Protein backbone atom coordinates (compact mmCIF):
# COMPACT_ATOMS: atom_id res chain seq x y z
CA UNK A 1 61.05 56.98 139.33
CA UNK A 2 59.84 60.24 140.28
CA UNK A 3 58.72 62.85 137.49
CA UNK A 4 57.72 66.42 137.91
CA UNK A 5 55.36 68.17 136.13
CA UNK A 6 54.57 71.94 136.29
CA UNK A 7 51.98 73.58 134.29
CA UNK A 8 51.86 77.42 134.68
CA UNK A 9 48.49 79.63 133.61
CA UNK A 10 47.29 83.22 133.16
CA UNK A 11 44.51 82.02 135.63
CA UNK A 12 44.96 81.03 138.92
CA UNK A 13 45.21 77.17 139.30
CA UNK A 14 43.83 75.50 142.40
CA UNK A 15 46.14 73.43 144.98
CA UNK A 16 45.45 70.16 146.56
CA UNK A 17 45.33 66.99 146.14
CA UNK A 18 43.17 65.36 144.36
CA UNK A 19 41.59 61.65 144.77
CA UNK A 20 41.46 60.34 147.74
CA UNK A 21 38.47 57.99 148.20
CA UNK A 22 38.46 58.01 151.54
CA UNK A 23 36.44 55.02 152.89
CA UNK A 24 34.07 57.82 154.89
CA UNK A 25 34.25 62.29 155.32
CA UNK A 26 34.08 60.99 159.08
CA UNK A 27 37.30 58.81 158.25
CA UNK A 28 39.04 60.83 156.15
CA UNK A 29 42.59 59.35 157.18
CA UNK A 30 41.22 55.52 156.52
CA UNK A 31 41.14 54.27 152.80
CA UNK A 32 40.25 50.95 151.64
CA UNK A 33 43.29 50.51 149.44
CA UNK A 34 46.49 52.10 148.10
CA UNK A 35 43.97 52.77 144.96
CA UNK A 36 41.58 54.16 147.18
CA UNK A 37 44.42 56.46 148.58
CA UNK A 38 46.55 57.33 145.86
CA UNK A 39 46.06 60.63 144.09
CA UNK A 40 47.97 63.99 143.41
CA UNK A 41 48.32 66.80 145.15
CA UNK A 42 49.01 70.27 142.83
CA UNK A 43 51.61 72.88 144.58
CA UNK A 44 50.95 76.25 144.11
CA UNK A 45 54.07 78.64 143.17
CA UNK A 46 53.09 81.21 145.94
CA UNK A 47 55.43 81.01 149.34
CA UNK A 48 53.54 82.66 152.50
CA UNK A 49 56.50 83.46 154.70
CA UNK A 50 57.64 85.96 151.30
CA UNK A 51 54.17 86.32 150.72
CA UNK A 52 55.92 86.48 146.49
CA UNK A 53 55.15 84.40 143.42
CA UNK A 54 58.13 82.13 142.16
CA UNK A 55 58.34 80.40 138.84
CA UNK A 56 58.98 76.72 138.52
CA UNK A 57 61.31 77.37 135.19
CA UNK A 58 62.61 80.38 134.33
CA UNK A 59 60.84 79.45 131.14
CA UNK A 60 57.77 79.95 131.92
CA UNK A 61 55.80 84.05 131.07
CA UNK A 62 53.07 82.48 133.32
CA UNK A 63 52.68 83.79 137.24
CA UNK A 64 50.09 81.04 138.59
CA UNK A 65 51.53 77.49 138.69
CA UNK A 66 51.80 74.47 140.51
CA UNK A 67 53.58 71.71 140.59
CA UNK A 68 53.41 68.07 141.34
CA UNK A 69 56.00 65.35 141.59
CA UNK A 70 54.75 61.73 141.78
CA UNK A 71 56.86 58.73 141.91
CA UNK A 72 53.37 56.21 140.14
CA UNK A 73 53.05 58.73 136.65
CA UNK A 74 54.02 56.40 133.71
CA UNK A 75 56.88 57.07 131.88
CA UNK A 76 56.07 56.57 128.40
CA UNK A 77 56.62 53.05 126.98
CA UNK A 78 59.25 51.76 129.82
CA UNK A 79 56.68 49.53 131.41
CA UNK A 80 52.81 48.17 131.83
CA UNK A 81 50.46 50.69 133.50
CA UNK A 82 48.49 48.96 136.85
CA UNK A 83 45.74 50.72 138.23
CA UNK A 84 47.74 53.23 140.93
CA UNK A 85 48.91 53.96 137.59
CA UNK A 86 46.69 54.51 135.66
CA UNK A 87 44.30 56.74 137.67
CA UNK A 88 46.82 58.85 138.28
CA UNK A 89 47.26 59.64 134.86
CA UNK A 90 44.24 59.66 135.01
CA UNK A 91 43.94 62.71 138.14
CA UNK A 92 46.63 64.72 135.93
CA UNK A 93 44.16 64.28 132.82
CA UNK A 94 41.46 65.25 134.49
CA UNK A 95 42.94 68.49 136.21
CA UNK A 96 44.49 69.54 132.54
CA UNK A 97 40.44 69.42 130.97
CA UNK A 98 38.76 70.96 133.55
CA UNK A 99 41.54 73.69 134.19
CA UNK A 100 40.60 74.50 129.56
CA UNK A 101 37.43 74.52 130.00
CA UNK A 102 37.59 76.46 132.71
CA UNK A 103 39.43 79.26 130.70
């Protein structure tokens, strides 16, 4: 089941893919295994076509927002996690922790 996670902040949040580990910089699309390819993509709330910001939720009061969706983020108490789910959670928690410290 795909989960959607939205984060809002008064400060700009980085958007990008985090967690990718290619075999080398010369081969950015080649990975040793599925775990090295596992990543989360954080997408901001800026529509480049209309050059405007939109809100992922009416409950957010901050302008800067990112969205993450992934089908490997473990739902609490549903099942035991595997290495890929653990990596996804580590990426998410690291992202939040780094942004909290930066602010």
